[in-house]
C-alpha cells in the first residue's frame, strides 16, 4: 500500500486491512513498526489504521474498574452496612461554579438515580406517593424523574405558612406531580398550628382527606435533614432553642430522631401535622435522598431507626458512610 494517506482518506481503508492491522497489533502484540513492515506501509499509516478500526467498531476497548470502584458494588456494600433494601448511586457530583453551592448542582445529579428508585417502587395508577419538604426534594422536583401516570402525590407535612419555597410542601407536591404525570393532593395547613387551630384543622374534611392517605401510601420520597442545631436553614416552626433537640442528629418528614433512630420530641410536637415515624415503617417503599458529610450521622441513624428502606446518594457520601460504619465497628 502506498504511503501518504490523509485522515480524510482513512475511511477508504478496506475492512480486511483494518482487521489485519488490528489483529497484528492487539492480538499478536506486534509493534506499530512491525505491523508497518508486515503490511509494507509506514508507522503513521498503521496509526491511522488502528484509529479507524476503533472508530468502526472492529476494535473495542473496555476499561474495567477494580471491584472497589464499581458503583454497583459500592451501592451493595453500603446497603448491607446500613441494613437497607437498596442503595442507588448517582454520578459524582460536579463541582459548583463560582458563587454556587452544592444544592445548586445536586438536583440535576440526583434526579436520574431518584427516577430509577421511583420506577422500581412498583407504583400503579391510584397508588399514593408521599413527598416531604426540604431543599433536596425541592431541587429534585426541578428535573425529570420518571413517568408515574395516575399516581396520587401528597405531602407528608403541613407548611403553607413557610416563607421558603422548599418548605412549602404544596409547592413541592405540585412540582413532583408535574414531573411524574401524577395527581396532586394538597394539605392546606401550617406544620405546627396553635392548639385551637390544630383541633379545627384535624376535623376539616379537606385535611382529613390527605391524613387518611398517609397510612395507605405505597411509597414515600423524603430528604434527610442534618442535625437541627447545626443547620442555618431550617423550617421556622422548629424551636431551635429547645433543649431536647440537642439529642437530635437528623429528621425525615420534619420528625426528629437521635443516634439510635428514636424520635426526639420538642415542645408542641404533639401538634405537628406531619407523618409519624412509626407510620413510615408501614409504607412498603421509603426512599431517602441525601448527600454530604454533614448528613452522615443523620443518614446512619435514620437507617438504623428503619425510617427508610432505600437510599439515593452520591459515591463520595457512600464512601464516607462506609468508612464511618467501619470506624464504628472498630471503636464499638
C-alpha atoms as a PDB file:
ATOM      1  CA  UNK A   1       0.000   0.000   0.000  1.00  0.00           C
ATOM      2  CA  UNK A   2       1.433   3.406  -0.841  1.00  0.00           C
ATOM      3  CA  UNK A   3       2.032   5.856   1.963  1.00  0.00           C
ATOM      4  CA  UNK A   4       0.648   9.372   2.166  1.00  0.00           C
ATOM      5  CA  UNK A   5      -2.916   8.639   3.352  1.00  0.00           C
ATOM      6  CA  UNK A   6      -4.606  11.684   4.835  1.00  0.00           C
ATOM      7  CA  UNK A   7      -7.148  11.496   7.695  1.00  0.00           C
ATOM      8  CA  UNK A   8      -9.938  12.157   5.214  1.00  0.00           C
ATOM      9  CA  UNK A   9      -8.858   9.120   3.218  1.00  0.00           C
ATOM     10  CA  UNK A  10      -8.733   6.811   6.234  1.00  0.00           C
ATOM     11  CA  UNK A  11     -12.403   5.918   5.808  1.00  0.00           C
ATOM     12  CA  UNK A  12     -11.463   4.285   2.462  1.00  0.00           C
ATOM     13  CA  UNK A  13      -9.301   1.621   4.117  1.00  0.00           C
ATOM     14  CA  UNK A  14     -10.778  -1.810   3.446  1.00  0.00           C
ATOM     15  CA  UNK A  15     -12.300  -3.654   6.376  1.00  0.00           C
ATOM     16  CA  UNK A  16      -9.920  -6.593   5.834  1.00  0.00           C
ATOM     17  CA  UNK A  17      -6.887  -4.302   6.053  1.00  0.00           C
ATOM     18  CA  UNK A  18      -8.231  -2.676   9.252  1.00  0.00           C
ATOM     19  CA  UNK A  19      -8.830  -6.101  10.778  1.00  0.00           C
ATOM     20  CA  UNK A  20      -5.381  -7.383   9.811  1.00  0.00           C
ATOM     21  CA  UNK A  21      -3.629  -4.355  11.312  1.00  0.00           C
ATOM     22  CA  UNK A  22      -5.706  -4.568  14.490  1.00  0.00           C
ATOM     23  CA  UNK A  23      -5.140  -8.328  14.892  1.00  0.00           C
ATOM     24  CA  UNK A  24      -1.371  -7.984  14.472  1.00  0.00           C
ATOM     25  CA  UNK A  25      -1.162  -5.099  16.941  1.00  0.00           C
ATOM     26  CA  UNK A  26      -3.666  -6.128  19.635  1.00  0.00           C
ATOM     27  CA  UNK A  27      -3.647  -9.926  19.447  1.00  0.00           C
ATOM     28  CA  UNK A  28      -0.153 -10.750  18.196  1.00  0.00           C
ATOM     29  CA  UNK A  29       1.484  -7.960  20.246  1.00  0.00           C
ATOM     30  CA  UNK A  30       3.381  -6.622  17.223  1.00  0.00           C
ATOM     31  CA  UNK A  31       4.691  -3.079  17.479  1.00  0.00           C
ATOM     32  CA  UNK A  32       3.432  -0.442  15.072  1.00  0.00           C
ATOM     33  CA  UNK A  33       6.800  -0.584  13.305  1.00  0.00           C
ATOM     34  CA  UNK A  34       6.463  -4.386  12.913  1.00  0.00           C
ATOM     35  CA  UNK A  35       2.893  -4.029  11.623  1.00  0.00           C
ATOM     36  CA  UNK A  36       4.083  -1.408   9.127  1.00  0.00           C
ATOM     37  CA  UNK A  37       6.807  -3.744   7.900  1.00  0.00           C
ATOM     38  CA  UNK A  38       4.374  -6.644   7.524  1.00  0.00           C
ATOM     39  CA  UNK A  39       1.902  -4.500   5.571  1.00  0.00           C
ATOM     40  CA  UNK A  40       4.504  -2.615   3.555  1.00  0.00           C
ATOM     41  CA  UNK A  41       3.445   0.791   4.812  1.00  0.00           C
ATOM     42  CA  UNK A  42       4.546   3.427   7.332  1.00  0.00           C
ATOM     43  CA  UNK A  43       4.015   3.683  11.069  1.00  0.00           C
ATOM     44  CA  UNK A  44       1.903   6.794  10.500  1.00  0.00           C
ATOM     45  CA  UNK A  45      -0.459   4.816   8.288  1.00  0.00           C
ATOM     46  CA  UNK A  46      -0.610   1.995  10.860  1.00  0.00           C
ATOM     47  CA  UNK A  47      -1.620   4.547  13.498  1.00  0.00           C
ATOM     48  CA  UNK A  48      -4.443   5.719  11.230  1.00  0.00           C
ATOM     49  CA  UNK A  49      -5.468   2.126  10.523  1.00  0.00           C
ATOM     50  CA  UNK A  50      -5.771   1.377  14.251  1.00  0.00           C
ATOM     51  CA  UNK A  51      -7.702   4.579  14.909  1.00  0.00           C
ATOM     52  CA  UNK A  52     -10.121   3.802  12.071  1.00  0.00           C
ATOM     53  CA  UNK A  53     -10.527   0.224  13.327  1.00  0.00           C
ATOM     54  CA  UNK A  54     -11.656   1.612  16.686  1.00  0.00           C
ATOM     55  CA  UNK A  55     -13.962   4.130  15.057  1.00  0.00           C
ATOM     56  CA  UNK A  56     -15.690   1.419  13.009  1.00  0.00           C
ATOM     57  CA  UNK A  57     -16.041  -0.911  15.990  1.00  0.00           C
ATOM     58  CA  UNK A  58     -13.581  -3.519  14.693  1.00  0.00           C
ATOM     59  CA  UNK A  59     -11.578  -2.819  17.842  1.00  0.00           C
ATOM     60  CA  UNK A  60     -13.480  -2.344  21.094  1.00  0.00           C
ATOM     61  CA  UNK A  61     -11.533  -1.361  24.176  1.00  0.00           C
ATOM     62  CA  UNK A  62     -13.182  -1.800  27.576  1.00  0.00           C
ATOM     63  CA  UNK A  63     -11.830  -0.123  30.684  1.00  0.00           C
ATOM     64  CA  UNK A  64     -12.914  -2.268  33.639  1.00  0.00           C
ATOM     65  CA  UNK A  65     -12.668  -0.595  37.061  1.00  0.00           C
ATOM     66  CA  UNK A  66     -11.421  -2.592  40.033  1.00  0.00           C
ATOM     67  CA  UNK A  67     -14.149  -4.151  42.160  1.00  0.00           C
ATOM     68  CA  UNK A  68     -13.971  -1.473  44.833  1.00  0.00           C
ATOM     69  CA  UNK A  69     -14.554   1.249  42.241  1.00  0.00           C
ATOM     70  CA  UNK A  70     -17.658  -0.276  40.685  1.00  0.00           C
ATOM     71  CA  UNK A  71     -20.765   1.731  41.576  1.00  0.00           C
ATOM     72  CA  UNK A  72     -22.908  -1.393  41.887  1.00  0.00           C
ATOM     73  CA  UNK A  73     -20.508  -2.967  44.337  1.00  0.00           C
ATOM     74  CA  UNK A  74     -20.271   0.227  46.387  1.00  0.00           C
ATOM     75  CA  UNK A  75     -24.052   0.505  46.492  1.00  0.00           C
ATOM     76  CA  UNK A  76     -24.434  -3.134  47.570  1.00  0.00           C
ATOM     77  CA  UNK A  77     -21.830  -2.785  50.312  1.00  0.00           C
ATOM     78  CA  UNK A  78     -23.483   0.339  51.655  1.00  0.00           C
ATOM     79  CA  UNK A  79     -26.926  -1.287  51.599  1.00  0.00           C
ATOM     80  CA  UNK A  80     -25.576  -4.178  53.674  1.00  0.00           C
ATOM     81  CA  UNK A  81     -23.770  -1.851  56.082  1.00  0.00           C
ATOM     82  CA  UNK A  82     -26.883   0.243  56.709  1.00  0.00           C
ATOM     83  CA  UNK A  83     -29.365  -2.629  56.600  1.00  0.00           C
ATOM     84  CA  UNK A  84     -31.241  -1.174  53.623  1.00  0.00           C
ATOM     85  CA  UNK A  85     -33.026  -2.976  50.810  1.00  0.00           C
ATOM     86  CA  UNK A  86     -31.319  -0.939  48.100  1.00  0.00           C
ATOM     87  CA  UNK A  87     -28.926   1.955  47.553  1.00  0.00           C
ATOM     88  CA  UNK A  88     -28.954   3.987  44.343  1.00  0.00           C
ATOM     89  CA  UNK A  89     -25.839   5.960  43.431  1.00  0.00           C
ATOM     90  CA  UNK A  90     -25.857   8.982  41.168  1.00  0.00           C
ATOM     91  CA  UNK A  91     -22.854  10.105  39.162  1.00  0.00           C
ATOM     92  CA  UNK A  92     -20.197  12.010  41.131  1.00  0.00           C
ATOM     93  CA  UNK A  93     -21.484  15.464  41.944  1.00  0.00           C
ATOM     94  CA  UNK A  94     -19.971  18.163  39.722  1.00  0.00           C
ATOM     95  CA  UNK A  95     -18.070  20.977  41.373  1.00  0.00           C
ATOM     96  CA  UNK A  96     -20.327  24.014  41.877  1.00  0.00           C
ATOM     97  CA  UNK A  97     -19.476  27.041  39.789  1.00  0.00           C
ATOM     98  CA  UNK A  98     -18.440  30.417  41.225  1.00  0.00           C
ATOM     99  CA  UNK A  99     -20.962  31.730  43.714  1.00  0.00           C
ATOM    100  CA  UNK A 100     -22.899  28.457  43.779  1.00  0.00           C
ATOM    101  CA  UNK A 101     -23.260  25.789  46.452  1.00  0.00           C
ATOM    102  CA  UNK A 102     -23.729  22.041  46.361  1.00  0.00           C
ATOM    103  CA  UNK A 103     -27.526  22.451  46.448  1.00  0.00           C
ATOM    104  CA  UNK A 104     -27.346  24.193  43.086  1.00  0.00           C
ATOM    105  CA  UNK A 105     -25.973  21.096  41.356  1.00  0.00           C
ATOM    106  CA  UNK A 106     -27.327  18.200  43.398  1.00  0.00           C
ATOM    107  CA  UNK A 107     -30.864  18.194  41.970  1.00  0.00           C
ATOM    108  CA  UNK A 108     -29.753  17.541  38.406  1.00  0.00           C
ATOM    109  CA  UNK A 109     -27.196  14.955  39.539  1.00  0.00           C
ATOM    110  CA  UNK A 110     -29.568  13.066  41.845  1.00  0.00           C
ATOM    111  CA  UNK A 111     -32.642  13.096  39.581  1.00  0.00           C
ATOM    112  CA  UNK A 112     -31.731  10.078  37.366  1.00  0.00           C
ATOM    113  CA  UNK A 113     -30.948   7.829  40.348  1.00  0.00           C
ATOM    114  CA  UNK A 114     -34.104   9.007  42.139  1.00  0.00           C
ATOM    115  CA  UNK A 115     -36.072   8.288  38.974  1.00  0.00           C
ATOM    116  CA  UNK A 116     -34.722   4.726  38.984  1.00  0.00           C
ATOM    117  CA  UNK A 117     -35.719   4.297  42.614  1.00  0.00           C
ATOM    118  CA  UNK A 118     -39.239   5.530  41.905  1.00  0.00           C
ATOM    119  CA  UNK A 119     -39.581   3.399  38.767  1.00  0.00           C
ATOM    120  CA  UNK A 120     -38.712   0.308  40.817  1.00  0.00           C
ATOM    121  CA  UNK A 121     -41.281   1.103  43.513  1.00  0.00           C
ATOM    122  CA  UNK A 122     -43.984  -0.682  41.514  1.00  0.00           C
ATOM    123  CA  UNK A 123     -46.479   2.187  41.697  1.00  0.00           C
ATOM    124  CA  UNK A 124     -49.756   1.839  39.808  1.00  0.00           C
ATOM    125  CA  UNK A 125     -52.436   4.423  38.946  1.00  0.00           C
ATOM    126  CA  UNK A 126     -54.291   5.329  42.127  1.00  0.00           C
ATOM    127  CA  UNK A 127     -51.368   4.462  44.427  1.00  0.00           C
ATOM    128  CA  UNK A 128     -50.234   7.184  46.825  1.00  0.00           C
ATOM    129  CA  UNK A 129     -46.713   8.605  46.742  1.00  0.00           C
ATOM    130  CA  UNK A 130     -45.884  10.858  49.692  1.00  0.00           C
ATOM    131  CA  UNK A 131     -43.260  13.608  49.372  1.00  0.00           C
ATOM    132  CA  UNK A 132     -41.508  15.527  52.120  1.00  0.00           C
ATOM    133  CA  UNK A 133     -40.470  19.130  52.229  1.00  0.00           C
ATOM    134  CA  UNK A 134     -36.839  20.255  52.250  1.00  0.00           C
ATOM    135  CA  UNK A 135     -34.213  21.595  49.902  1.00  0.00           C
ATOM    136  CA  UNK A 136     -33.173  18.221  48.454  1.00  0.00           C
ATOM    137  CA  UNK A 137     -36.649  17.158  47.347  1.00  0.00           C
ATOM    138  CA  UNK A 138     -37.353  20.682  46.123  1.00  0.00           C
ATOM    139  CA  UNK A 139     -34.227  20.638  43.935  1.00  0.00           C
ATOM    140  CA  UNK A 140     -35.118  17.161  42.631  1.00  0.00           C
ATOM    141  CA  UNK A 141     -38.540  18.429  41.631  1.00  0.00           C
ATOM    142  CA  UNK A 142     -36.902  20.850  39.188  1.00  0.00           C
ATOM    143  CA  UNK A 143     -35.850  17.929  36.969  1.00  0.00           C
ATOM    144  CA  UNK A 144     -37.429  14.964  35.204  1.00  0.00           C
ATOM    145  CA  UNK A 145     -37.830  11.892  37.381  1.00  0.00           C
ATOM    146  CA  UNK A 146     -39.884   9.015  35.936  1.00  0.00           C
ATOM    147  CA  UNK A 147     -43.411   8.736  34.475  1.00  0.00           C
ATOM    148  CA  UNK A 148     -45.967   7.681  37.107  1.00  0.00           C
ATOM    149  CA  UNK A 149     -49.304   8.380  35.381  1.00  0.00           C
ATOM    150  CA  UNK A 150     -52.308   8.336  37.678  1.00  0.00           C
ATOM    151  CA  UNK A 151     -50.275   8.118  40.895  1.00  0.00           C
ATOM    152  CA  UNK A 152     -51.551  10.393  43.677  1.00  0.00           C
ATOM    153  CA  UNK A 153     -48.886  12.734  45.083  1.00  0.00           C
ATOM    154  CA  UNK A 154     -49.457  14.038  48.625  1.00  0.00           C
ATOM    155  CA  UNK A 155     -47.337  15.925  51.176  1.00  0.00           C
ATOM    156  CA  UNK A 156     -46.087  14.398  54.432  1.00  0.00           C
ATOM    157  CA  UNK A 157     -46.204  17.614  56.439  1.00  0.00           C
ATOM    158  CA  UNK A 158     -48.016  20.918  56.554  1.00  0.00           C
ATOM    159  CA  UNK A 159     -46.166  24.061  55.644  1.00  0.00           C
ATOM    160  CA  UNK A 160     -48.283  26.551  53.727  1.00  0.00           C
ATOM    161  CA  UNK A 161     -47.143  29.262  56.158  1.00  0.00           C
ATOM    162  CA  UNK A 162     -43.423  28.803  55.449  1.00  0.00           C
ATOM    163  CA  UNK A 163     -41.639  31.619  53.530  1.00  0.00           C
ATOM    164  CA  UNK A 164     -39.030  29.437  51.779  1.00  0.00           C
ATOM    165  CA  UNK A 165     -40.329  27.568  48.733  1.00  0.00           C
ATOM    166  CA  UNK A 166     -38.502  24.370  49.750  1.00  0.00           C
ATOM    167  CA  UNK A 167     -40.604  24.202  52.925  1.00  0.00           C
ATOM    168  CA  UNK A 168     -43.827  24.971  51.060  1.00  0.00           C
ATOM    169  CA  UNK A 169     -44.969  21.357  50.838  1.00  0.00           C
ATOM    170  CA  UNK A 170     -47.873  22.048  48.492  1.00  0.00           C
ATOM    171  CA  UNK A 171     -45.471  23.659  46.024  1.00  0.00           C
ATOM    172  CA  UNK A 172     -43.179  20.617  46.149  1.00  0.00           C
ATOM    173  CA  UNK A 173     -46.196  18.332  45.747  1.00  0.00           C
ATOM    174  CA  UNK A 174     -47.273  20.276  42.645  1.00  0.00           C
ATOM    175  CA  UNK A 175     -43.779  20.188  41.139  1.00  0.00           C
ATOM    176  CA  UNK A 176     -43.333  16.452  41.704  1.00  0.00           C
ATOM    177  CA  UNK A 177     -46.805  15.682  40.343  1.00  0.00           C
ATOM    178  CA  UNK A 178     -45.982  17.644  37.188  1.00  0.00           C
ATOM    179  CA  UNK A 179     -42.650  15.826  36.778  1.00  0.00           C
ATOM    180  CA  UNK A 180     -44.130  12.328  37.043  1.00  0.00           C
ATOM    181  CA  UNK A 181     -47.539  12.954  35.492  1.00  0.00           C
ATOM    182  CA  UNK A 182     -49.353  12.266  38.751  1.00  0.00           C
ATOM    183  CA  UNK A 183     -52.327  13.866  40.533  1.00  0.00           C
ATOM    184  CA  UNK A 184     -51.538  16.319  43.325  1.00  0.00           C
ATOM    185  CA  UNK A 185     -53.428  16.421  46.619  1.00  0.00           C
ATOM    186  CA  UNK A 186     -52.713  19.416  48.807  1.00  0.00           C
ATOM    187  CA  UNK A 187     -52.540  19.889  52.570  1.00  0.00           C
ATOM    188  CA  UNK A 188     -53.735  23.411  53.420  1.00  0.00           C
ATOM    189  CA  UNK A 189     -52.345  23.610  56.911  1.00  0.00           C
ATOM    190  CA  UNK A 190     -49.312  25.005  58.735  1.00  0.00           C
ATOM    191  CA  UNK A 191     -46.899  22.422  60.071  1.00  0.00           C
ATOM    192  CA  UNK A 192     -47.318  23.488  63.698  1.00  0.00           C
ATOM    193  CA  UNK A 193     -50.637  25.233  64.353  1.00  0.00           C
ATOM    194  CA  UNK A 194     -51.721  26.572  67.723  1.00  0.00           C
ATOM    195  CA  UNK A 195     -53.842  24.351  69.997  1.00  0.00           C
ATOM    196  CA  UNK A 196     -57.238  25.679  68.882  1.00  0.00           C
ATOM    197  CA  UNK A 197     -56.392  25.760  65.183  1.00  0.00           C
ATOM    198  CA  UNK A 198     -54.857  22.286  65.414  1.00  0.00           C
ATOM    199  CA  UNK A 199     -58.101  20.713  66.558  1.00  0.00           C
ATOM    200  CA  UNK A 200     -60.083  22.622  63.966  1.00  0.00           C
ATOM    201  CA  UNK A 201     -57.746  21.510  61.178  1.00  0.00           C
ATOM    202  CA  UNK A 202     -57.848  17.875  62.255  1.00  0.00           C
ATOM    203  CA  UNK A 203     -61.620  17.964  61.881  1.00  0.00           C
ATOM    204  CA  UNK A 204     -61.588  19.658  58.476  1.00  0.00           C
ATOM    205  CA  UNK A 205     -62.637  17.256  55.641  1.00  0.00           C
ATOM    206  CA  UNK A 206     -60.014  18.606  53.206  1.00  0.00           C
ATOM    207  CA  UNK A 207     -57.267  17.991  55.768  1.00  0.00           C
ATOM    208  CA  UNK A 208     -58.632  14.573  56.684  1.00  0.00           C
ATOM    209  CA  UNK A 209     -58.557  13.523  53.029  1.00  0.00           C
ATOM    210  CA  UNK A 210     -54.749  13.826  52.996  1.00  0.00           C
ATOM    211  CA  UNK A 211     -54.239  12.472  56.515  1.00  0.00           C
ATOM    212  CA  UNK A 212     -56.206   9.362  55.561  1.00  0.00           C
ATOM    213  CA  UNK A 213     -53.890   8.823  52.603  1.00  0.00           C
ATOM    214  CA  UNK A 214     -50.805   8.567  54.817  1.00  0.00           C
ATOM    215  CA  UNK A 215     -51.416   5.042  56.170  1.00  0.00           C
ATOM    216  CA  UNK A 216     -52.432   3.741  52.722  1.00  0.00           C
ATOM    217  CA  UNK A 217     -49.394   5.114  50.853  1.00  0.00           C
ATOM    218  CA  UNK A 218     -47.293   2.726  48.784  1.00  0.00           C
ATOM    219  CA  UNK A 219     -44.183   4.901  48.633  1.00  0.00           C
ATOM    220  CA  UNK A 220     -42.594   7.920  50.312  1.00  0.00           C
ATOM    221  CA  UNK A 221     -39.854  10.163  48.926  1.00  0.00           C
ATOM    222  CA  UNK A 222     -38.038  12.210  51.550  1.00  0.00           C
ATOM    223  CA  UNK A 223     -34.986  14.286  52.234  1.00  0.00           C
ATOM    224  CA  UNK A 224     -32.856  13.713  55.317  1.00  0.00           C
ATOM    225  CA  UNK A 225     -32.148  16.736  57.477  1.00  0.00           C
ATOM    226  CA  UNK A 226     -28.790  17.353  59.121  1.00  0.00           C
ATOM    227  CA  UNK A 227     -28.615  17.778  62.934  1.00  0.00           C
ATOM    228  CA  UNK A 228     -31.086  20.618  63.581  1.00  0.00           C
ATOM    229  CA  UNK A 229     -28.923  22.753  65.847  1.00  0.00           C
ATOM    230  CA  UNK A 230     -26.075  22.846  63.303  1.00  0.00           C
ATOM    231  CA  UNK A 231     -28.230  23.998  60.399  1.00  0.00           C
ATOM    232  CA  UNK A 232     -28.524  27.520  59.082  1.00  0.00           C
ATOM    233  CA  UNK A 233     -31.596  26.568  57.036  1.00  0.00           C
ATOM    234  CA  UNK A 234     -34.490  25.022  58.960  1.00  0.00           C
ATOM    235  CA  UNK A 235     -38.296  25.417  58.966  1.00  0.00           C
ATOM    236  CA  UNK A 236     -39.498  28.375  61.017  1.00  0.00           C
ATOM    237  CA  UNK A 237     -41.674  26.219  63.270  1.00  0.00           C
ATOM    238  CA  UNK A 238     -38.721  24.242  64.676  1.00  0.00           C
ATOM    239  CA  UNK A 239     -37.837  25.568  68.168  1.00  0.00           C
ATOM    240  CA  UNK A 240     -34.062  25.558  67.822  1.00  0.00           C
ATOM    241  CA  UNK A 241     -33.768  26.732  71.426  1.00  0.00           C
ATOM    242  CA  UNK A 242     -35.376  23.525  72.652  1.00  0.00           C
ATOM    243  CA  UNK A 243     -33.066  21.555  74.961  1.00  0.00           C
ATOM    244  CA  UNK A 244     -34.461  18.237  73.740  1.00  0.00           C
ATOM    245  CA  UNK A 245     -33.296  18.890  70.177  1.00  0.00           C
ATOM    246  CA  UNK A 246     -29.679  18.736  71.324  1.00  0.00           C
ATOM    247  CA  UNK A 247     -30.030  14.962  71.111  1.00  0.00           C
ATOM    248  CA  UNK A 248     -31.376  15.055  67.557  1.00  0.00           C
ATOM    249  CA  UNK A 249     -28.998  14.055  64.764  1.00  0.00           C
ATOM    250  CA  UNK A 250     -31.461  14.342  61.899  1.00  0.00           C
ATOM    251  CA  UNK A 251     -35.046  14.297  60.691  1.00  0.00           C
ATOM    252  CA  UNK A 252     -37.279  12.930  57.976  1.00  0.00           C
ATOM    253  CA  UNK A 253     -40.680  14.444  57.234  1.00  0.00           C
ATOM    254  CA  UNK A 254     -39.965  17.003  59.996  1.00  0.00           C
ATOM    255  CA  UNK A 255     -39.803  14.261  62.642  1.00  0.00           C
ATOM    256  CA  UNK A 256     -36.514  14.369  64.559  1.00  0.00           C
ATOM    257  CA  UNK A 257     -34.587  11.367  65.867  1.00  0.00           C
ATOM    258  CA  UNK A 258     -31.462  10.623  67.897  1.00  0.00           C
ATOM    259  CA  UNK A 259     -28.431   8.426  67.141  1.00  0.00           C
ATOM    260  CA  UNK A 260     -30.424   5.296  67.907  1.00  0.00           C
ATOM    261  CA  UNK A 261     -33.118   6.371  65.473  1.00  0.00           C
ATOM    262  CA  UNK A 262     -35.618   7.028  68.265  1.00  0.00           C
ATOM    263  CA  UNK A 263     -37.931  10.005  67.923  1.00  0.00           C
ATOM    264  CA  UNK A 264     -36.990  13.244  69.652  1.00  0.00           C
ATOM    265  CA  UNK A 265     -39.943  15.355  70.774  1.00  0.00           C
ATOM    266  CA  UNK A 266     -39.947  19.085  71.397  1.00  0.00           C
ATOM    267  CA  UNK A 267     -42.389  21.488  72.965  1.00  0.00           C
ATOM    268  CA  UNK A 268     -45.503  21.483  70.796  1.00  0.00           C
ATOM    269  CA  UNK A 269     -44.531  18.477  68.673  1.00  0.00           C
ATOM    270  CA  UNK A 270     -47.786  16.803  69.702  1.00  0.00           C
ATOM    271  CA  UNK A 271     -49.487  19.386  67.447  1.00  0.00           C
ATOM    272  CA  UNK A 272     -47.183  18.757  64.486  1.00  0.00           C
ATOM    273  CA  UNK A 273     -49.175  17.980  61.354  1.00  0.00           C
ATOM    274  CA  UNK A 274     -46.680  15.559  59.869  1.00  0.00           C
ATOM    275  CA  UNK A 275     -46.426  11.877  59.079  1.00  0.00           C
ATOM    276  CA  UNK A 276     -45.266   9.989  62.164  1.00  0.00           C
ATOM    277  CA  UNK A 277     -42.061   7.962  62.100  1.00  0.00           C
ATOM    278  CA  UNK A 278     -43.877   4.767  63.034  1.00  0.00           C
ATOM    279  CA  UNK A 279     -46.215   5.281  60.064  1.00  0.00           C
ATOM    280  CA  UNK A 280     -43.191   5.318  57.730  1.00  0.00           C
ATOM    281  CA  UNK A 281     -42.359   1.776  58.838  1.00  0.00           C
ATOM    282  CA  UNK A 282     -45.622   0.501  57.330  1.00  0.00           C
ATOM    283  CA  UNK A 283     -45.087   2.057  53.889  1.00  0.00           C
ATOM    284  CA  UNK A 284     -43.643  -0.595  51.524  1.00  0.00           C
ATOM    285  CA  UNK A 285     -41.089   1.635  49.762  1.00  0.00           C
ATOM    286  CA  UNK A 286     -39.495   4.549  51.609  1.00  0.00           C
ATOM    287  CA  UNK A 287     -36.807   6.395  49.643  1.00  0.00           C
ATOM    288  CA  UNK A 288     -34.440   8.820  51.358  1.00  0.00           C
ATOM    289  CA  UNK A 289     -32.329  11.182  49.258  1.00  0.00           C
ATOM    290  CA  UNK A 290     -29.299  12.780  50.904  1.00  0.00           C
ATOM    291  CA  UNK A 291     -25.712  13.823  50.195  1.00  0.00           C
ATOM    292  CA  UNK A 292     -22.917  15.436  52.174  1.00  0.00           C
ATOM    293  CA  UNK A 293     -20.632  14.710  55.106  1.00  0.00           C
ATOM    294  CA  UNK A 294     -22.830  16.826  57.370  1.00  0.00           C
ATOM    295  CA  UNK A 295     -25.540  14.188  56.973  1.00  0.00           C
ATOM    296  CA  UNK A 296     -23.531  11.041  57.744  1.00  0.00           C
ATOM    297  CA  UNK A 297     -24.964  10.681  61.256  1.00  0.00           C
ATOM    298  CA  UNK A 298     -28.418  11.688  60.003  1.00  0.00           C
ATOM    299  CA  UNK A 299     -28.448   9.001  57.316  1.00  0.00           C
ATOM    300  CA  UNK A 300     -26.938   6.302  59.535  1.00  0.00           C
ATOM    301  CA  UNK A 301     -29.362   6.918  62.399  1.00  0.00           C
ATOM    302  CA  UNK A 302     -32.343   7.163  60.051  1.00  0.00           C
ATOM    303  CA  UNK A 303     -31.473   3.798  58.535  1.00  0.00           C
ATOM    304  CA  UNK A 304     -30.885   2.343  61.997  1.00  0.00           C
ATOM    305  CA  UNK A 305     -34.322   3.505  63.074  1.00  0.00           C
ATOM    306  CA  UNK A 306     -35.922   1.942  59.990  1.00  0.00           C
ATOM    307  CA  UNK A 307     -37.326   5.279  58.821  1.00  0.00           C
ATOM    308  CA  UNK A 308     -36.426   4.485  55.204  1.00  0.00           C
ATOM    309  CA  UNK A 309     -35.508   1.280  53.394  1.00  0.00           C
ATOM    310  CA  UNK A 310     -33.867   2.722  50.272  1.00  0.00           C
ATOM    311  CA  UNK A 311     -31.302   5.469  49.829  1.00  0.00           C
ATOM    312  CA  UNK A 312     -30.260   7.695  46.936  1.00  0.00           C
ATOM    313  CA  UNK A 313     -26.861   9.335  47.381  1.00  0.00           C
ATOM    314  CA  UNK A 314     -23.592  10.109  45.605  1.00  0.00           C
ATOM    315  CA  UNK A 315     -20.396   7.992  45.592  1.00  0.00           C
ATOM    316  CA  UNK A 316     -18.472  10.353  47.885  1.00  0.00           C
ATOM    317  CA  UNK A 317     -21.173  10.241  50.565  1.00  0.00           C
ATOM    318  CA  UNK A 318     -21.458   6.461  50.140  1.00  0.00           C
ATOM    319  CA  UNK A 319     -17.726   6.006  50.712  1.00  0.00           C
ATOM    320  CA  UNK A 320     -17.848   8.282  53.766  1.00  0.00           C
ATOM    321  CA  UNK A 321     -20.810   6.339  55.182  1.00  0.00           C
ATOM    322  CA  UNK A 322     -18.943   3.053  54.751  1.00  0.00           C
ATOM    323  CA  UNK A 323     -15.853   4.494  56.416  1.00  0.00           C
ATOM    324  CA  UNK A 324     -17.947   5.771  59.313  1.00  0.00           C
ATOM    325  CA  UNK A 325     -19.616   2.382  59.683  1.00  0.00           C
ATOM    326  CA  UNK A 326     -16.235   0.630  59.665  1.00  0.00           C
ATOM    327  CA  UNK A 327     -14.847   3.015  62.278  1.00  0.00           C
ATOM    328  CA  UNK A 328     -17.903   2.464  64.449  1.00  0.00           C
ATOM    329  CA  UNK A 329     -17.341  -1.297  64.340  1.00  0.00           C
ATOM    330  CA  UNK A 330     -13.713  -0.876  65.386  1.00  0.00           C
ATOM    331  CA  UNK A 331     -14.434   1.504  68.269  1.00  0.00           C
ATOM    332  CA  UNK A 332     -17.519  -0.475  69.263  1.00  0.00           C
END
